[in-house]
Amino acid sequence: MRSDAPDPYGFNSLKLDWLRAKAGAKWHRPEGDVLPAWIADMDFPVPPPVRAALDAVLDRGDLGYPDWFDRVPPLAGVFAGRMEQRYGWAPDPGLVEPFDDLIQIVQLVLHLTTAPGDGMM
């Protein structure tokens, strides 16, 4: 991001001392002047709309599992709309499956696209 670009979420103001003060393994374990070179969501401030949504859930004390098993998950329509807008591909939101872990997705793709003994890199 250019330093003169609009910065509503504070990405341009990230400070190394703020990152190094975090308790997570990425920033807590390296010693000295070692900089962990991988980028992850925990490196950025929480966007205000996400914080507001999380605060609302916490205020309700609603920390149970979502009941999406008999209906389309809320983000499926958003995902389908974005894919159509960006790529001209209009997936059926009813066939979109949510995942919250990239490794789960990689495992599923490998399971669906390879056979035992196939090589992969």
N, C-alpha and C. Protein backbone atom coordinates (compact mmCIF):
# COMPACT_ATOMS: atom_id res chain seq x y z
N MET A 1 0.85 -1.17 0.00
CA MET A 1 0.00 0.00 0.00
C MET A 1 0.90 1.23 0.00
N ARG A 2 0.59 2.19 -0.85
CA ARG A 2 1.35 3.44 -0.89
C ARG A 2 1.15 4.18 0.43
N SER A 3 2.18 4.88 0.87
CA SER A 3 2.06 5.59 2.15
C SER A 3 1.09 6.76 2.08
N ASP A 4 0.78 7.26 0.87
CA ASP A 4 -0.15 8.38 0.76
C ASP A 4 -1.57 7.91 0.41
N ALA A 5 -1.77 6.58 0.32
CA ALA A 5 -3.09 6.04 -0.01
C ALA A 5 -4.00 6.13 1.20
N PRO A 6 -5.32 6.22 0.99
CA PRO A 6 -6.25 6.19 2.13
C PRO A 6 -5.99 4.94 2.97
N ASP A 7 -6.03 5.08 4.27
CA ASP A 7 -5.67 4.00 5.17
C ASP A 7 -6.67 3.89 6.32
N PRO A 8 -7.92 3.47 6.02
CA PRO A 8 -8.96 3.49 7.06
C PRO A 8 -8.70 2.54 8.22
N TYR A 9 -7.89 1.51 8.03
CA TYR A 9 -7.69 0.52 9.09
C TYR A 9 -6.32 0.61 9.76
N GLY A 10 -5.52 1.60 9.42
CA GLY A 10 -4.26 1.81 10.12
C GLY A 10 -3.11 0.94 9.67
N PHE A 11 -3.18 0.36 8.49
CA PHE A 11 -2.09 -0.51 8.03
C PHE A 11 -0.78 0.26 7.87
N ASN A 12 -0.86 1.51 7.43
CA ASN A 12 0.37 2.28 7.23
C ASN A 12 1.02 2.69 8.54
N SER A 13 0.29 2.58 9.63
CA SER A 13 0.85 3.01 10.91
C SER A 13 1.36 1.84 11.75
N LEU A 14 1.47 0.64 11.15
CA LEU A 14 1.97 -0.50 11.91
C LEU A 14 3.39 -0.21 12.39
N LYS A 15 3.63 -0.52 13.63
CA LYS A 15 4.94 -0.27 14.22
C LYS A 15 5.54 -1.59 14.68
N LEU A 16 6.83 -1.73 14.47
CA LEU A 16 7.52 -2.96 14.84
C LEU A 16 7.39 -3.24 16.33
N ASP A 17 7.46 -2.22 17.18
CA ASP A 17 7.35 -2.46 18.62
C ASP A 17 5.96 -2.98 18.98
N TRP A 18 4.91 -2.53 18.26
CA TRP A 18 3.55 -3.03 18.50
C TRP A 18 3.47 -4.51 18.14
N LEU A 19 4.11 -4.88 17.02
CA LEU A 19 4.11 -6.28 16.61
C LEU A 19 4.92 -7.14 17.59
N ARG A 20 6.10 -6.67 17.96
CA ARG A 20 6.95 -7.44 18.87
C ARG A 20 6.33 -7.60 20.26
N ALA A 21 5.40 -6.73 20.65
CA ALA A 21 4.74 -6.82 21.96
C ALA A 21 3.65 -7.88 21.98
N LYS A 22 3.30 -8.44 20.83
CA LYS A 22 2.25 -9.46 20.78
C LYS A 22 2.73 -10.75 21.45
N ALA A 23 1.79 -11.50 22.04
CA ALA A 23 2.13 -12.72 22.78
C ALA A 23 2.16 -13.96 21.91
N GLY A 24 1.67 -13.88 20.67
CA GLY A 24 1.65 -15.05 19.80
C GLY A 24 3.03 -15.52 19.42
N ALA A 25 3.13 -16.78 18.98
CA ALA A 25 4.42 -17.41 18.67
C ALA A 25 5.18 -16.66 17.58
N LYS A 26 4.48 -16.11 16.61
CA LYS A 26 5.17 -15.47 15.49
C LYS A 26 6.07 -14.34 15.98
N TRP A 27 5.55 -13.49 16.86
CA TRP A 27 6.32 -12.33 17.30
C TRP A 27 6.99 -12.54 18.65
N HIS A 28 6.53 -13.51 19.42
CA HIS A 28 7.06 -13.72 20.77
C HIS A 28 8.33 -14.57 20.77
N ARG A 29 8.45 -15.54 19.87
CA ARG A 29 9.56 -16.48 19.90
C ARG A 29 10.87 -15.97 19.31
N PRO A 30 10.85 -15.25 18.18
CA PRO A 30 12.15 -14.82 17.62
C PRO A 30 12.89 -13.90 18.58
N GLU A 31 14.19 -14.10 18.64
CA GLU A 31 15.01 -13.28 19.54
C GLU A 31 15.82 -12.27 18.74
N GLY A 32 16.26 -11.24 19.42
CA GLY A 32 17.15 -10.26 18.82
C GLY A 32 16.49 -9.50 17.69
N ASP A 33 17.23 -9.37 16.60
CA ASP A 33 16.73 -8.59 15.47
C ASP A 33 16.11 -9.45 14.38
N VAL A 34 15.75 -10.69 14.72
CA VAL A 34 15.10 -11.58 13.75
C VAL A 34 13.69 -11.08 13.46
N LEU A 35 13.38 -10.96 12.18
CA LEU A 35 12.02 -10.55 11.77
C LEU A 35 11.32 -11.75 11.14
N PRO A 36 10.22 -12.21 11.73
CA PRO A 36 9.47 -13.29 11.09
C PRO A 36 8.94 -12.78 9.75
N ALA A 37 9.25 -13.46 8.66
CA ALA A 37 8.99 -12.93 7.32
C ALA A 37 7.64 -13.34 6.76
N TRP A 38 6.89 -14.19 7.43
CA TRP A 38 5.58 -14.57 6.90
C TRP A 38 4.54 -13.57 7.38
N ILE A 39 3.53 -13.39 6.56
CA ILE A 39 2.48 -12.41 6.85
C ILE A 39 1.23 -13.17 7.26
N ALA A 40 0.57 -12.66 8.26
CA ALA A 40 -0.67 -13.29 8.72
C ALA A 40 -1.62 -12.22 9.23
N ASP A 41 -2.87 -12.63 9.38
CA ASP A 41 -3.89 -11.66 9.78
C ASP A 41 -3.60 -11.02 11.13
N MET A 42 -2.85 -11.70 11.99
CA MET A 42 -2.59 -11.12 13.31
C MET A 42 -1.60 -9.97 13.25
N ASP A 43 -1.04 -9.70 12.09
CA ASP A 43 -0.11 -8.57 11.93
C ASP A 43 -0.84 -7.25 11.74
N PHE A 44 -2.13 -7.28 11.55
CA PHE A 44 -2.88 -6.08 11.23
C PHE A 44 -3.92 -5.78 12.30
N PRO A 45 -4.24 -4.51 12.48
CA PRO A 45 -5.31 -4.17 13.43
C PRO A 45 -6.65 -4.78 12.98
N VAL A 46 -7.51 -5.03 13.93
CA VAL A 46 -8.84 -5.55 13.62
C VAL A 46 -9.66 -4.42 13.00
N PRO A 47 -10.20 -4.62 11.78
CA PRO A 47 -11.02 -3.56 11.17
C PRO A 47 -12.23 -3.23 12.04
N PRO A 48 -12.60 -1.95 12.12
CA PRO A 48 -13.73 -1.55 12.98
C PRO A 48 -15.02 -2.33 12.76
N PRO A 49 -15.43 -2.67 11.51
CA PRO A 49 -16.67 -3.44 11.37
C PRO A 49 -16.57 -4.85 11.96
N VAL A 50 -15.39 -5.46 11.87
CA VAL A 50 -15.18 -6.79 12.45
C VAL A 50 -15.21 -6.70 13.97
N ARG A 51 -14.54 -5.70 14.53
CA ARG A 51 -14.55 -5.51 15.98
C ARG A 51 -15.98 -5.29 16.48
N ALA A 52 -16.76 -4.48 15.76
CA ALA A 52 -18.15 -4.23 16.17
C ALA A 52 -18.96 -5.52 16.15
N ALA A 53 -18.77 -6.34 15.12
CA ALA A 53 -19.51 -7.60 15.04
C ALA A 53 -19.10 -8.54 16.18
N LEU A 54 -17.80 -8.61 16.46
CA LEU A 54 -17.34 -9.46 17.57
C LEU A 54 -17.85 -8.95 18.91
N ASP A 55 -17.81 -7.64 19.10
CA ASP A 55 -18.33 -7.07 20.35
C ASP A 55 -19.81 -7.40 20.52
N ALA A 56 -20.59 -7.34 19.43
CA ALA A 56 -22.02 -7.65 19.53
C ALA A 56 -22.24 -9.10 19.95
N VAL A 57 -21.46 -10.02 19.39
CA VAL A 57 -21.57 -11.43 19.77
C VAL A 57 -21.19 -11.62 21.23
N LEU A 58 -20.11 -10.97 21.65
CA LEU A 58 -19.68 -11.10 23.04
C LEU A 58 -20.69 -10.48 23.99
N ASP A 59 -21.26 -9.34 23.61
CA ASP A 59 -22.27 -8.70 24.46
C ASP A 59 -23.49 -9.60 24.65
N ARG A 60 -23.84 -10.37 23.62
CA ARG A 60 -24.98 -11.31 23.72
C ARG A 60 -24.58 -12.58 24.46
N GLY A 61 -23.28 -12.81 24.62
CA GLY A 61 -22.82 -14.07 25.22
C GLY A 61 -23.11 -15.25 24.33
N ASP A 62 -23.16 -15.03 23.03
CA ASP A 62 -23.57 -16.05 22.06
C ASP A 62 -22.34 -16.69 21.43
N LEU A 63 -21.69 -17.59 22.19
CA LEU A 63 -20.45 -18.20 21.73
C LEU A 63 -20.63 -19.65 21.30
N GLY A 64 -21.86 -20.07 21.09
CA GLY A 64 -22.12 -21.45 20.67
C GLY A 64 -21.85 -21.65 19.19
N TYR A 65 -21.96 -22.88 18.75
CA TYR A 65 -21.77 -23.20 17.34
C TYR A 65 -22.91 -22.62 16.52
N PRO A 66 -22.61 -22.08 15.34
CA PRO A 66 -23.69 -21.53 14.51
C PRO A 66 -24.60 -22.64 14.00
N ASP A 67 -25.87 -22.34 13.85
CA ASP A 67 -26.84 -23.31 13.37
C ASP A 67 -27.10 -23.08 11.88
N TRP A 68 -26.11 -23.46 11.07
CA TRP A 68 -26.23 -23.29 9.62
C TRP A 68 -26.44 -24.62 8.92
N PHE A 69 -26.70 -25.67 9.67
CA PHE A 69 -26.71 -26.99 9.08
C PHE A 69 -27.88 -27.24 8.14
N ASP A 70 -28.96 -26.50 8.31
CA ASP A 70 -30.12 -26.72 7.45
C ASP A 70 -30.37 -25.53 6.53
N ARG A 71 -29.39 -24.64 6.40
CA ARG A 71 -29.56 -23.48 5.51
C ARG A 71 -28.20 -23.07 4.95
N VAL A 72 -28.22 -22.16 4.00
CA VAL A 72 -27.00 -21.67 3.37
C VAL A 72 -26.26 -20.77 4.37
N PRO A 73 -24.97 -21.01 4.59
CA PRO A 73 -24.21 -20.14 5.50
C PRO A 73 -24.24 -18.69 5.03
N PRO A 74 -24.26 -17.74 5.94
CA PRO A 74 -24.41 -16.32 5.57
C PRO A 74 -23.37 -15.81 4.57
N LEU A 75 -22.14 -16.28 4.64
CA LEU A 75 -21.11 -15.77 3.73
C LEU A 75 -21.12 -16.43 2.36
N ALA A 76 -21.90 -17.50 2.19
CA ALA A 76 -21.92 -18.19 0.91
C ALA A 76 -22.42 -17.28 -0.22
N GLY A 77 -23.46 -16.51 0.05
CA GLY A 77 -23.98 -15.59 -0.95
C GLY A 77 -23.01 -14.47 -1.27
N VAL A 78 -22.33 -13.98 -0.23
CA VAL A 78 -21.32 -12.93 -0.42
C VAL A 78 -20.19 -13.46 -1.29
N PHE A 79 -19.73 -14.68 -0.98
CA PHE A 79 -18.66 -15.30 -1.76
C PHE A 79 -19.10 -15.48 -3.21
N ALA A 80 -20.29 -16.02 -3.43
CA ALA A 80 -20.78 -16.25 -4.79
C ALA A 80 -20.87 -14.93 -5.56
N GLY A 81 -21.36 -13.88 -4.91
CA GLY A 81 -21.46 -12.57 -5.56
C GLY A 81 -20.09 -12.02 -5.93
N ARG A 82 -19.14 -12.17 -5.04
CA ARG A 82 -17.78 -11.68 -5.33
C ARG A 82 -17.15 -12.45 -6.49
N MET A 83 -17.32 -13.75 -6.52
CA MET A 83 -16.76 -14.55 -7.61
C MET A 83 -17.38 -14.15 -8.95
N GLU A 84 -18.69 -13.90 -8.93
CA GLU A 84 -19.35 -13.48 -10.18
C GLU A 84 -18.87 -12.10 -10.61
N GLN A 85 -18.76 -11.18 -9.67
CA GLN A 85 -18.32 -9.82 -9.99
C GLN A 85 -16.89 -9.80 -10.50
N ARG A 86 -16.00 -10.54 -9.85
CA ARG A 86 -14.58 -10.48 -10.21
C ARG A 86 -14.21 -11.39 -11.36
N TYR A 87 -14.85 -12.57 -11.47
CA TYR A 87 -14.39 -13.57 -12.43
C TYR A 87 -15.46 -14.04 -13.41
N GLY A 88 -16.69 -13.55 -13.25
CA GLY A 88 -17.75 -14.00 -14.15
C GLY A 88 -18.21 -15.42 -13.85
N TRP A 89 -17.84 -15.96 -12.70
CA TRP A 89 -18.22 -17.30 -12.28
C TRP A 89 -19.28 -17.18 -11.21
N ALA A 90 -20.42 -17.81 -11.42
CA ALA A 90 -21.54 -17.67 -10.49
C ALA A 90 -21.84 -19.00 -9.81
N PRO A 91 -21.08 -19.33 -8.75
CA PRO A 91 -21.36 -20.59 -8.06
C PRO A 91 -22.70 -20.53 -7.33
N ASP A 92 -23.34 -21.66 -7.19
CA ASP A 92 -24.58 -21.76 -6.43
C ASP A 92 -24.24 -21.62 -4.95
N PRO A 93 -24.75 -20.58 -4.26
CA PRO A 93 -24.44 -20.42 -2.84
C PRO A 93 -24.80 -21.65 -2.00
N GLY A 94 -25.78 -22.41 -2.44
CA GLY A 94 -26.16 -23.61 -1.71
C GLY A 94 -25.12 -24.71 -1.77
N LEU A 95 -24.16 -24.60 -2.68
CA LEU A 95 -23.10 -25.60 -2.80
C LEU A 95 -21.78 -25.11 -2.22
N VAL A 96 -21.76 -23.89 -1.70
CA VAL A 96 -20.55 -23.33 -1.09
C VAL A 96 -20.41 -23.87 0.32
N GLU A 97 -19.25 -24.41 0.62
CA GLU A 97 -18.97 -24.94 1.97
C GLU A 97 -17.97 -24.04 2.67
N PRO A 98 -18.29 -23.56 3.85
CA PRO A 98 -17.35 -22.70 4.57
C PRO A 98 -16.23 -23.52 5.23
N PHE A 99 -15.05 -22.99 5.23
CA PHE A 99 -13.91 -23.56 5.94
C PHE A 99 -13.26 -22.43 6.73
N ASP A 100 -12.73 -22.75 7.89
CA ASP A 100 -12.06 -21.73 8.68
C ASP A 100 -10.57 -22.00 8.83
N ASP A 101 -10.05 -22.90 8.03
CA ASP A 101 -8.65 -23.27 8.15
C ASP A 101 -8.11 -23.62 6.77
N LEU A 102 -7.08 -22.92 6.34
CA LEU A 102 -6.50 -23.15 5.02
C LEU A 102 -6.00 -24.58 4.87
N ILE A 103 -5.46 -25.17 5.92
CA ILE A 103 -4.95 -26.54 5.84
C ILE A 103 -6.09 -27.51 5.54
N GLN A 104 -7.29 -27.27 6.11
CA GLN A 104 -8.44 -28.13 5.78
C GLN A 104 -8.72 -28.09 4.28
N ILE A 105 -8.64 -26.91 3.70
CA ILE A 105 -8.93 -26.75 2.28
C ILE A 105 -7.88 -27.48 1.44
N VAL A 106 -6.61 -27.32 1.80
CA VAL A 106 -5.54 -28.00 1.06
C VAL A 106 -5.73 -29.51 1.14
N GLN A 107 -6.05 -30.02 2.33
CA GLN A 107 -6.28 -31.46 2.49
C GLN A 107 -7.45 -31.93 1.62
N LEU A 108 -8.52 -31.18 1.59
CA LEU A 108 -9.68 -31.56 0.79
C LEU A 108 -9.35 -31.56 -0.70
N VAL A 109 -8.68 -30.51 -1.17
CA VAL A 109 -8.32 -30.43 -2.58
C VAL A 109 -7.41 -31.61 -2.96
N LEU A 110 -6.43 -31.91 -2.13
CA LEU A 110 -5.54 -33.04 -2.42
C LEU A 110 -6.32 -34.35 -2.43
N HIS A 111 -7.24 -34.51 -1.49
CA HIS A 111 -8.05 -35.73 -1.43
C HIS A 111 -8.90 -35.89 -2.70
N LEU A 112 -9.46 -34.78 -3.18
CA LEU A 112 -10.35 -34.83 -4.33
C LEU A 112 -9.62 -34.90 -5.67
N THR A 113 -8.36 -34.47 -5.71
CA THR A 113 -7.69 -34.35 -7.01
C THR A 113 -6.50 -35.29 -7.19
N THR A 114 -6.18 -36.10 -6.18
CA THR A 114 -5.06 -37.03 -6.31
C THR A 114 -5.50 -38.43 -5.94
N ALA A 115 -4.70 -39.39 -6.34
CA ALA A 115 -4.94 -40.78 -5.98
C ALA A 115 -3.76 -41.26 -5.15
N PRO A 116 -3.95 -42.32 -4.36
CA PRO A 116 -2.83 -42.85 -3.58
C PRO A 116 -1.63 -43.13 -4.49
N GLY A 117 -0.47 -42.66 -4.06
CA GLY A 117 0.74 -42.87 -4.83
C GLY A 117 1.08 -41.73 -5.78
N ASP A 118 0.13 -40.82 -6.01
CA ASP A 118 0.42 -39.67 -6.89
C ASP A 118 1.51 -38.82 -6.23
N GLY A 119 2.38 -38.27 -7.08
CA GLY A 119 3.38 -37.33 -6.59
C GLY A 119 2.78 -35.94 -6.51
N MET A 120 3.31 -35.15 -5.62
CA MET A 120 2.88 -33.76 -5.53
C MET A 120 4.01 -32.94 -4.94
N MET A 121 3.96 -31.66 -5.21
CA MET A 121 5.00 -30.80 -4.67
C MET A 121 4.35 -29.60 -4.04
